Amino acid sequence: TPADHIPAVYYAGTGNPPDLSLITKARHEGPEYVYSLLTGY
């Protein structure tokens, strides 16, 4: 329902993908970091 939070993801693969709710505050130059990472492969 609209009152619910977006359900957590239970990743079955290797590693532990981080929750992205606060990722741009958890990284220096957050928005630029996310953009650069996604386009930097």
All heavy atoms as atom14 arrays in JSON, in Angstrom:
{
  "sequence": "TPADHIPAVYYAGTGNPPDLSLITKARHEGPEYVYSLLTGY",
  "atom14_mask": [
    [1, 1, 1, 1, 1, 1, 1, 0, 0, 0, 0, 0, 0, 0],
    [1, 1, 1, 1, 1, 1, 1, 0, 0, 0, 0, 0, 0, 0],
    [1, 1, 1, 1, 1, 0, 0, 0, 0, 0, 0, 0, 0, 0],
    [1, 1, 1, 1, 1, 1, 1, 1, 0, 0, 0, 0, 0, 0],
    [1, 1, 1, 1, 1, 1, 1, 1, 1, 1, 0, 0, 0, 0],
    [1, 1, 1, 1, 1, 1, 1, 1, 0, 0, 0, 0, 0, 0],
    [1, 1, 1, 1, 1, 1, 1, 0, 0, 0, 0, 0, 0, 0],
    [1, 1, 1, 1, 1, 0, 0, 0, 0, 0, 0, 0, 0, 0],
    [1, 1, 1, 1, 1, 1, 1, 0, 0, 0, 0, 0, 0, 0],
    [1, 1, 1, 1, 1, 1, 1, 1, 1, 1, 1, 1, 0, 0],
    [1, 1, 1, 1, 1, 1, 1, 1, 1, 1, 1, 1, 0, 0],
    [1, 1, 1, 1, 1, 0, 0, 0, 0, 0, 0, 0, 0, 0],
    [1, 1, 1, 1, 0, 0, 0, 0, 0, 0, 0, 0, 0, 0],
    [1, 1, 1, 1, 1, 1, 1, 0, 0, 0, 0, 0, 0, 0],
    [1, 1, 1, 1, 0, 0, 0, 0, 0, 0, 0, 0, 0, 0],
    [1, 1, 1, 1, 1, 1, 1, 1, 0, 0, 0, 0, 0, 0],
    [1, 1, 1, 1, 1, 1, 1, 0, 0, 0, 0, 0, 0, 0],
    [1, 1, 1, 1, 1, 1, 1, 0, 0, 0, 0, 0, 0, 0],
    [1, 1, 1, 1, 1, 1, 1, 1, 0, 0, 0, 0, 0, 0],
    [1, 1, 1, 1, 1, 1, 1, 1, 0, 0, 0, 0, 0, 0],
    [1, 1, 1, 1, 1, 1, 0, 0, 0, 0, 0, 0, 0, 0],
    [1, 1, 1, 1, 1, 1, 1, 1, 0, 0, 0, 0, 0, 0],
    [1, 1, 1, 1, 1, 1, 1, 1, 0, 0, 0, 0, 0, 0],
    [1, 1, 1, 1, 1, 1, 1, 0, 0, 0, 0, 0, 0, 0],
    [1, 1, 1, 1, 1, 1, 1, 1, 1, 0, 0, 0, 0, 0],
    [1, 1, 1, 1, 1, 0, 0, 0, 0, 0, 0, 0, 0, 0],
    [1, 1, 1, 1, 1, 1, 1, 1, 1, 1, 1, 0, 0, 0],
    [1, 1, 1, 1, 1, 1, 1, 1, 1, 1, 0, 0, 0, 0],
    [1, 1, 1, 1, 1, 1, 1, 1, 1, 0, 0, 0, 0, 0],
    [1, 1, 1, 1, 0, 0, 0, 0, 0, 0, 0, 0, 0, 0],
    [1, 1, 1, 1, 1, 1, 1, 0, 0, 0, 0, 0, 0, 0],
    [1, 1, 1, 1, 1, 1, 1, 1, 1, 0, 0, 0, 0, 0],
    [1, 1, 1, 1, 1, 1, 1, 1, 1, 1, 1, 1, 0, 0],
    [1, 1, 1, 1, 1, 1, 1, 0, 0, 0, 0, 0, 0, 0],
    [1, 1, 1, 1, 1, 1, 1, 1, 1, 1, 1, 1, 0, 0],
    [1, 1, 1, 1, 1, 1, 0, 0, 0, 0, 0, 0, 0, 0],
    [1, 1, 1, 1, 1, 1, 1, 1, 0, 0, 0, 0, 0, 0],
    [1, 1, 1, 1, 1, 1, 1, 1, 0, 0, 0, 0, 0, 0],
    [1, 1, 1, 1, 1, 1, 1, 0, 0, 0, 0, 0, 0, 0],
    [1, 1, 1, 1, 0, 0, 0, 0, 0, 0, 0, 0, 0, 0],
    [1, 1, 1, 1, 1, 1, 1, 1, 1, 1, 1, 1, 0, 0]
  ],
  "atom14_positions": [
    [[0.86, -1.18, 0.0], [0.0, 0.0, 0.0], [0.9, 1.24, 0.0], [2.1, 1.15, 0.3], [-0.9, 0.03, 1.24], [-0.08, 0.24, 2.41], [-1.68, -1.28, 1.39], [0.0, 0.0, 0.0], [0.0, 0.0, 0.0], [0.0, 0.0, 0.0], [0.0, 0.0, 0.0], [0.0, 0.0, 0.0], [0.0, 0.0, 0.0], [0.0, 0.0, 0.0]],
    [[0.35, 2.41, -0.31], [1.18, 3.63, -0.3], [1.87, 3.89, 1.03], [2.93, 4.51, 1.07], [0.17, 4.73, -0.62], [-0.86, 4.06, -1.46], [-0.99, 2.68, -0.87], [0.0, 0.0, 0.0], [0.0, 0.0, 0.0], [0.0, 0.0, 0.0], [0.0, 0.0, 0.0], [0.0, 0.0, 0.0], [0.0, 0.0, 0.0], [0.0, 0.0, 0.0]],
    [[1.31, 3.38, 2.13], [1.92, 3.61, 3.45], [3.14, 2.73, 3.68], [3.94, 3.02, 4.58], [0.88, 3.35, 4.55], [0.0, 0.0, 0.0], [0.0, 0.0, 0.0], [0.0, 0.0, 0.0], [0.0, 0.0, 0.0], [0.0, 0.0, 0.0], [0.0, 0.0, 0.0], [0.0, 0.0, 0.0], [0.0, 0.0, 0.0], [0.0, 0.0, 0.0]],
    [[3.31, 1.69, 2.89], [4.44, 0.78, 3.08], [5.72, 1.38, 2.52], [5.71, 2.14, 1.54], [4.18, -0.55, 2.37], [3.06, -1.34, 3.01], [2.99, -1.35, 4.25], [2.25, -1.93, 2.27], [0.0, 0.0, 0.0], [0.0, 0.0, 0.0], [0.0, 0.0, 0.0], [0.0, 0.0, 0.0], [0.0, 0.0, 0.0], [0.0, 0.0, 0.0]],
    [[6.85, 1.0, 3.13], [8.15, 1.32, 2.56], [8.43, 0.35, 1.42], [7.91, -0.77, 1.4], [9.25, 1.25, 3.61], [9.29, 2.46, 4.5], [8.31, 2.73, 5.42], [10.18, 3.48, 4.59], [8.6, 3.86, 6.05], [9.73, 4.33, 5.57], [0.0, 0.0, 0.0], [0.0, 0.0, 0.0], [0.0, 0.0, 0.0], [0.0, 0.0, 0.0]],
    [[9.26, 0.78, 0.49], [9.63, -0.09, -0.61], [10.31, -1.33, -0.03], [11.27, -1.21, 0.75], [10.57, 0.64, -1.6], [9.8, 1.79, -2.27], [11.12, -0.32, -2.65], [10.63, 2.63, -3.22], [0.0, 0.0, 0.0], [0.0, 0.0, 0.0], [0.0, 0.0, 0.0], [0.0, 0.0, 0.0], [0.0, 0.0, 0.0], [0.0, 0.0, 0.0]],
    [[9.83, -2.52, -0.35], [10.35, -3.75, 0.28], [11.84, -3.94, 0.08], [12.4, -3.58, -0.97], [9.55, -4.87, -0.41], [8.32, -4.2, -0.91], [8.74, -2.8, -1.28], [0.0, 0.0, 0.0], [0.0, 0.0, 0.0], [0.0, 0.0, 0.0], [0.0, 0.0, 0.0], [0.0, 0.0, 0.0], [0.0, 0.0, 0.0], [0.0, 0.0, 0.0]],
    [[12.49, -4.49, 1.1], [13.92, -4.77, 1.02], [14.18, -5.88, 0.0], [13.33, -6.74, -0.24], [14.45, -5.19, 2.38], [0.0, 0.0, 0.0], [0.0, 0.0, 0.0], [0.0, 0.0, 0.0], [0.0, 0.0, 0.0], [0.0, 0.0, 0.0], [0.0, 0.0, 0.0], [0.0, 0.0, 0.0], [0.0, 0.0, 0.0], [0.0, 0.0, 0.0]],
    [[15.34, -5.83, -0.6], [15.74, -6.82, -1.6], [16.63, -7.86, -0.92], [17.6, -7.51, -0.23], [16.51, -6.16, -2.77], [17.0, -7.22, -3.75], [15.62, -5.14, -3.47], [0.0, 0.0, 0.0], [0.0, 0.0, 0.0], [0.0, 0.0, 0.0], [0.0, 0.0, 0.0], [0.0, 0.0, 0.0], [0.0, 0.0, 0.0], [0.0, 0.0, 0.0]],
    [[16.31, -9.12, -1.11], [17.15, -10.2, -0.58], [17.93, -10.79, -1.75], [17.41, -11.55, -2.55], [16.27, -11.25, 0.12], [15.55, -10.69, 1.3], [14.24, -10.25, 1.19], [16.2, -10.58, 2.53], [13.58, -9.7, 2.28], [15.54, -10.03, 3.62], [14.23, -9.59, 3.49], [13.58, -9.03, 4.57], [0.0, 0.0, 0.0], [0.0, 0.0, 0.0]],
    [[19.2, -10.37, -1.84], [20.02, -10.72, -2.99], [20.58, -12.12, -2.84], [21.2, -12.45, -1.83], [21.16, -9.7, -3.11], [22.04, -9.89, -4.32], [21.54, -9.79, -5.61], [23.4, -10.16, -4.17], [22.34, -9.95, -6.71], [24.22, -10.33, -5.27], [23.68, -10.22, -6.54], [24.49, -10.39, -7.62], [0.0, 0.0, 0.0], [0.0, 0.0, 0.0]],
    [[20.34, -12.94, -3.85], [20.76, -14.35, -3.77], [22.17, -14.59, -4.3], [22.73, -15.67, -4.13], [19.79, -15.23, -4.56], [0.0, 0.0, 0.0], [0.0, 0.0, 0.0], [0.0, 0.0, 0.0], [0.0, 0.0, 0.0], [0.0, 0.0, 0.0], [0.0, 0.0, 0.0], [0.0, 0.0, 0.0], [0.0, 0.0, 0.0], [0.0, 0.0, 0.0]],
    [[22.77, -13.57, -4.93], [24.1, -13.76, -5.49], [25.19, -13.53, -4.47], [24.95, -13.44, -3.26], [0.0, 0.0, 0.0], [0.0, 0.0, 0.0], [0.0, 0.0, 0.0], [0.0, 0.0, 0.0], [0.0, 0.0, 0.0], [0.0, 0.0, 0.0], [0.0, 0.0, 0.0], [0.0, 0.0, 0.0], [0.0, 0.0, 0.0], [0.0, 0.0, 0.0]],
    [[26.43, -13.43, -4.95], [27.56, -13.18, -4.06], [27.65, -11.69, -3.75], [27.22, -10.85, -4.52], [28.88, -13.63, -4.71], [29.03, -12.94, -5.97], [28.86, -15.12, -4.98], [0.0, 0.0, 0.0], [0.0, 0.0, 0.0], [0.0, 0.0, 0.0], [0.0, 0.0, 0.0], [0.0, 0.0, 0.0], [0.0, 0.0, 0.0], [0.0, 0.0, 0.0]],
    [[28.2, -11.38, -2.59], [28.33, -9.98, -2.2], [27.1, -9.49, -1.47], [26.13, -10.22, -1.27], [0.0, 0.0, 0.0], [0.0, 0.0, 0.0], [0.0, 0.0, 0.0], [0.0, 0.0, 0.0], [0.0, 0.0, 0.0], [0.0, 0.0, 0.0], [0.0, 0.0, 0.0], [0.0, 0.0, 0.0], [0.0, 0.0, 0.0], [0.0, 0.0, 0.0]],
    [[27.14, -8.23, -1.08], [26.04, -7.63, -0.33], [25.77, -6.24, -0.89], [26.3, -5.25, -0.38], [26.4, -7.56, 1.16], [25.26, -7.05, 2.0], [24.09, -7.19, 1.63], [25.59, -6.46, 3.13], [0.0, 0.0, 0.0], [0.0, 0.0, 0.0], [0.0, 0.0, 0.0], [0.0, 0.0, 0.0], [0.0, 0.0, 0.0], [0.0, 0.0, 0.0]],
    [[24.96, -6.13, -1.94], [24.7, -4.82, -2.55], [24.14, -3.84, -1.52], [23.22, -4.19, -0.77], [23.64, -5.15, -3.62], [23.85, -6.59, -3.93], [24.24, -7.21, -2.62], [0.0, 0.0, 0.0], [0.0, 0.0, 0.0], [0.0, 0.0, 0.0], [0.0, 0.0, 0.0], [0.0, 0.0, 0.0], [0.0, 0.0, 0.0], [0.0, 0.0, 0.0]],
    [[24.67, -2.63, -1.45], [24.22, -1.67, -0.43], [22.83, -1.14, -0.72], [22.39, -1.08, -1.87], [25.27, -0.55, -0.53], [25.73, -0.61, -1.95], [25.73, -2.07, -2.3], [0.0, 0.0, 0.0], [0.0, 0.0, 0.0], [0.0, 0.0, 0.0], [0.0, 0.0, 0.0], [0.0, 0.0, 0.0], [0.0, 0.0, 0.0], [0.0, 0.0, 0.0]],
    [[22.14, -0.76, 0.35], [20.87, -0.04, 0.21], [21.19, 1.34, -0.38], [22.16, 1.98, 0.02], [20.2, 0.1, 1.57], [18.87, 0.83, 1.49], [17.84, 0.16, 1.29], [18.87, 2.07, 1.61], [0.0, 0.0, 0.0], [0.0, 0.0, 0.0], [0.0, 0.0, 0.0], [0.0, 0.0, 0.0], [0.0, 0.0, 0.0], [0.0, 0.0, 0.0]],
    [[20.36, 1.8, -1.3], [20.67, 3.05, -2.02], [19.95, 4.27, -1.48], [20.1, 5.36, -2.03], [20.32, 2.88, -3.51], [21.09, 1.8, -4.28], [20.67, 1.79, -5.74], [22.6, 2.02, -4.17], [0.0, 0.0, 0.0], [0.0, 0.0, 0.0], [0.0, 0.0, 0.0], [0.0, 0.0, 0.0], [0.0, 0.0, 0.0], [0.0, 0.0, 0.0]],
    [[19.19, 4.11, -0.4], [18.4, 5.22, 0.11], [19.25, 6.46, 0.38], [18.85, 7.59, 0.07], [17.67, 4.82, 1.4], [16.89, 3.68, 1.21], [0.0, 0.0, 0.0], [0.0, 0.0, 0.0], [0.0, 0.0, 0.0], [0.0, 0.0, 0.0], [0.0, 0.0, 0.0], [0.0, 0.0, 0.0], [0.0, 0.0, 0.0], [0.0, 0.0, 0.0]],
    [[20.42, 6.27, 0.98], [21.27, 7.39, 1.4], [22.63, 7.36, 0.71], [23.58, 7.98, 1.19], [21.46, 7.36, 2.92], [20.18, 7.4, 3.76], [20.52, 7.22, 5.23], [19.43, 8.7, 3.55], [0.0, 0.0, 0.0], [0.0, 0.0, 0.0], [0.0, 0.0, 0.0], [0.0, 0.0, 0.0], [0.0, 0.0, 0.0], [0.0, 0.0, 0.0]],
    [[22.73, 6.66, -0.41], [24.04, 6.45, -1.03], [24.71, 7.76, -1.44], [25.94, 7.88, -1.35], [23.92, 5.5, -2.25], [25.29, 5.01, -2.69], [23.18, 6.16, -3.39], [25.97, 4.09, -1.7], [0.0, 0.0, 0.0], [0.0, 0.0, 0.0], [0.0, 0.0, 0.0], [0.0, 0.0, 0.0], [0.0, 0.0, 0.0], [0.0, 0.0, 0.0]],
    [[23.95, 8.76, -1.86], [24.59, 10.0, -2.31], [25.06, 10.86, -1.14], [25.83, 11.8, -1.34], [23.64, 10.84, -3.2], [22.45, 11.14, -2.46], [23.28, 10.08, -4.46], [0.0, 0.0, 0.0], [0.0, 0.0, 0.0], [0.0, 0.0, 0.0], [0.0, 0.0, 0.0], [0.0, 0.0, 0.0], [0.0, 0.0, 0.0], [0.0, 0.0, 0.0]],
    [[24.61, 10.53, 0.07], [25.14, 11.21, 1.26], [26.28, 10.42, 1.87], [27.1, 10.96, 2.61], [24.04, 11.42, 2.3], [22.93, 12.35, 1.85], [21.96, 12.67, 2.96], [22.56, 13.63, 3.96], [21.55, 14.1, 4.94], [0.0, 0.0, 0.0], [0.0, 0.0, 0.0], [0.0, 0.0, 0.0], [0.0, 0.0, 0.0], [0.0, 0.0, 0.0]],
    [[26.33, 9.13, 1.55], [27.37, 8.27, 2.12], [28.65, 8.3, 1.29], [29.67, 7.76, 1.71], [26.87, 6.83, 2.2], [0.0, 0.0, 0.0], [0.0, 0.0, 0.0], [0.0, 0.0, 0.0], [0.0, 0.0, 0.0], [0.0, 0.0, 0.0], [0.0, 0.0, 0.0], [0.0, 0.0, 0.0], [0.0, 0.0, 0.0], [0.0, 0.0, 0.0]],
    [[28.62, 8.92, 0.13], [29.8, 9.0, -0.74], [30.14, 10.45, -1.01], [29.26, 11.29, -1.19], [29.54, 8.28, -2.09], [29.21, 6.8, -1.96], [30.39, 5.98, -1.48], [30.09, 4.55, -1.48], [29.56, 3.89, -0.46], [29.24, 4.54, 0.66], [29.32, 2.59, -0.55], [0.0, 0.0, 0.0], [0.0, 0.0, 0.0], [0.0, 0.0, 0.0]],
    [[31.44, 10.74, -1.05], [31.9, 12.09, -1.36], [31.46, 12.45, -2.78], [31.58, 11.65, -3.69], [33.43, 12.16, -1.24], [33.99, 13.52, -1.52], [33.65, 14.63, -0.79], [34.86, 13.94, -2.47], [34.29, 15.68, -1.25], [35.03, 15.3, -2.28], [0.0, 0.0, 0.0], [0.0, 0.0, 0.0], [0.0, 0.0, 0.0], [0.0, 0.0, 0.0]],
    [[30.92, 13.67, -2.93], [30.37, 14.1, -4.22], [29.37, 13.06, -4.73], [29.47, 12.57, -5.85], [31.49, 14.31, -5.24], [32.47, 15.42, -4.86], [33.58, 15.61, -5.88], [34.53, 14.81, -5.88], [33.47, 16.55, -6.7], [0.0, 0.0, 0.0], [0.0, 0.0, 0.0], [0.0, 0.0, 0.0], [0.0, 0.0, 0.0], [0.0, 0.0, 0.0]],
    [[28.39, 12.77, -3.87], [27.46, 11.67, -4.11], [26.85, 11.56, -5.48], [27.01, 10.52, -6.15], [0.0, 0.0, 0.0], [0.0, 0.0, 0.0], [0.0, 0.0, 0.0], [0.0, 0.0, 0.0], [0.0, 0.0, 0.0], [0.0, 0.0, 0.0], [0.0, 0.0, 0.0], [0.0, 0.0, 0.0], [0.0, 0.0, 0.0], [0.0, 0.0, 0.0]],
    [[26.12, 12.56, -5.98], [25.5, 12.44, -7.3], [26.52, 12.21, -8.41], [26.32, 11.38, -9.3], [24.78, 13.78, -7.49], [24.59, 14.31, -6.11], [25.77, 13.83, -5.32], [0.0, 0.0, 0.0], [0.0, 0.0, 0.0], [0.0, 0.0, 0.0], [0.0, 0.0, 0.0], [0.0, 0.0, 0.0], [0.0, 0.0, 0.0], [0.0, 0.0, 0.0]],
    [[27.63, 12.95, -8.32], [28.68, 12.8, -9.33], [29.32, 11.41, -9.24], [29.69, 10.82, -10.26], [29.75, 13.88, -9.15], [29.29, 15.29, -9.45], [28.52, 15.94, -8.3], [28.41, 15.3, -7.22], [28.03, 17.06, -8.48], [0.0, 0.0, 0.0], [0.0, 0.0, 0.0], [0.0, 0.0, 0.0], [0.0, 0.0, 0.0], [0.0, 0.0, 0.0]],
    [[29.46, 10.92, -8.0], [30.04, 9.59, -7.8], [29.16, 8.52, -8.44], [29.65, 7.63, -9.15], [30.21, 9.31, -6.31], [30.52, 7.86, -5.99], [31.82, 7.36, -6.12], [29.52, 6.98, -5.59], [32.1, 6.03, -5.85], [29.79, 5.65, -5.32], [31.09, 5.17, -5.45], [31.35, 3.86, -5.2], [0.0, 0.0, 0.0], [0.0, 0.0, 0.0]],
    [[27.85, 8.58, -8.19], [26.93, 7.59, -8.75], [26.98, 7.65, -10.28], [27.08, 6.6, -10.95], [25.49, 7.84, -8.26], [24.5, 6.96, -9.01], [25.4, 7.58, -6.77], [0.0, 0.0, 0.0], [0.0, 0.0, 0.0], [0.0, 0.0, 0.0], [0.0, 0.0, 0.0], [0.0, 0.0, 0.0], [0.0, 0.0, 0.0], [0.0, 0.0, 0.0]],
    [[26.94, 8.84, -10.84], [26.98, 8.98, -12.3], [28.3, 8.43, -12.86], [28.31, 7.68, -13.84], [26.83, 10.45, -12.69], [27.13, 10.72, -14.14], [26.18, 10.48, -15.13], [28.38, 11.2, -14.54], [26.46, 10.7, -16.46], [28.67, 11.43, -15.86], [27.71, 11.18, -16.82], [27.99, 11.39, -18.15], [0.0, 0.0, 0.0], [0.0, 0.0, 0.0]],
    [[29.41, 8.8, -12.23], [30.72, 8.38, -12.72], [30.88, 6.87, -12.63], [31.43, 6.24, -13.55], [31.83, 9.08, -11.92], [31.73, 10.47, -12.03], [0.0, 0.0, 0.0], [0.0, 0.0, 0.0], [0.0, 0.0, 0.0], [0.0, 0.0, 0.0], [0.0, 0.0, 0.0], [0.0, 0.0, 0.0], [0.0, 0.0, 0.0], [0.0, 0.0, 0.0]],
    [[30.42, 6.28, -11.53], [30.54, 4.83, -11.36], [29.75, 4.1, -12.44], [30.24, 3.14, -13.04], [30.04, 4.43, -9.98], [30.21, 2.95, -9.62], [31.68, 2.65, -9.34], [29.37, 2.59, -8.4], [0.0, 0.0, 0.0], [0.0, 0.0, 0.0], [0.0, 0.0, 0.0], [0.0, 0.0, 0.0], [0.0, 0.0, 0.0], [0.0, 0.0, 0.0]],
    [[28.54, 4.56, -12.71], [27.68, 3.87, -13.67], [28.17, 4.01, -15.1], [27.88, 3.17, -15.95], [26.25, 4.41, -13.57], [25.52, 4.1, -12.26], [24.16, 4.79, -12.23], [25.35, 2.6, -12.08], [0.0, 0.0, 0.0], [0.0, 0.0, 0.0], [0.0, 0.0, 0.0], [0.0, 0.0, 0.0], [0.0, 0.0, 0.0], [0.0, 0.0, 0.0]],
    [[28.91, 5.08, -15.38], [29.41, 5.3, -16.74], [30.9, 5.03, -16.87], [31.48, 5.27, -17.93], [29.13, 6.75, -17.18], [29.78, 7.67, -16.28], [27.64, 7.05, -17.21], [0.0, 0.0, 0.0], [0.0, 0.0, 0.0], [0.0, 0.0, 0.0], [0.0, 0.0, 0.0], [0.0, 0.0, 0.0], [0.0, 0.0, 0.0], [0.0, 0.0, 0.0]],
    [[31.54, 4.53, -15.79], [33.0, 4.43, -15.78], [33.59, 3.07, -16.07], [34.81, 2.9, -16.01], [0.0, 0.0, 0.0], [0.0, 0.0, 0.0], [0.0, 0.0, 0.0], [0.0, 0.0, 0.0], [0.0, 0.0, 0.0], [0.0, 0.0, 0.0], [0.0, 0.0, 0.0], [0.0, 0.0, 0.0], [0.0, 0.0, 0.0], [0.0, 0.0, 0.0]],
    [[32.76, 2.08, -16.4], [33.29, 0.73, -16.67], [34.17, 0.77, -17.92], [33.84, 1.41, -18.92], [32.15, -0.26, -16.87], [31.43, -0.61, -15.6], [30.39, 0.18, -15.13], [31.8, -1.72, -14.84], [29.72, -0.13, -13.95], [31.14, -2.04, -13.66], [30.1, -1.24, -13.23], [29.45, -1.55, -12.05], [0.0, 0.0, 0.0], [0.0, 0.0, 0.0]]
  ]
}
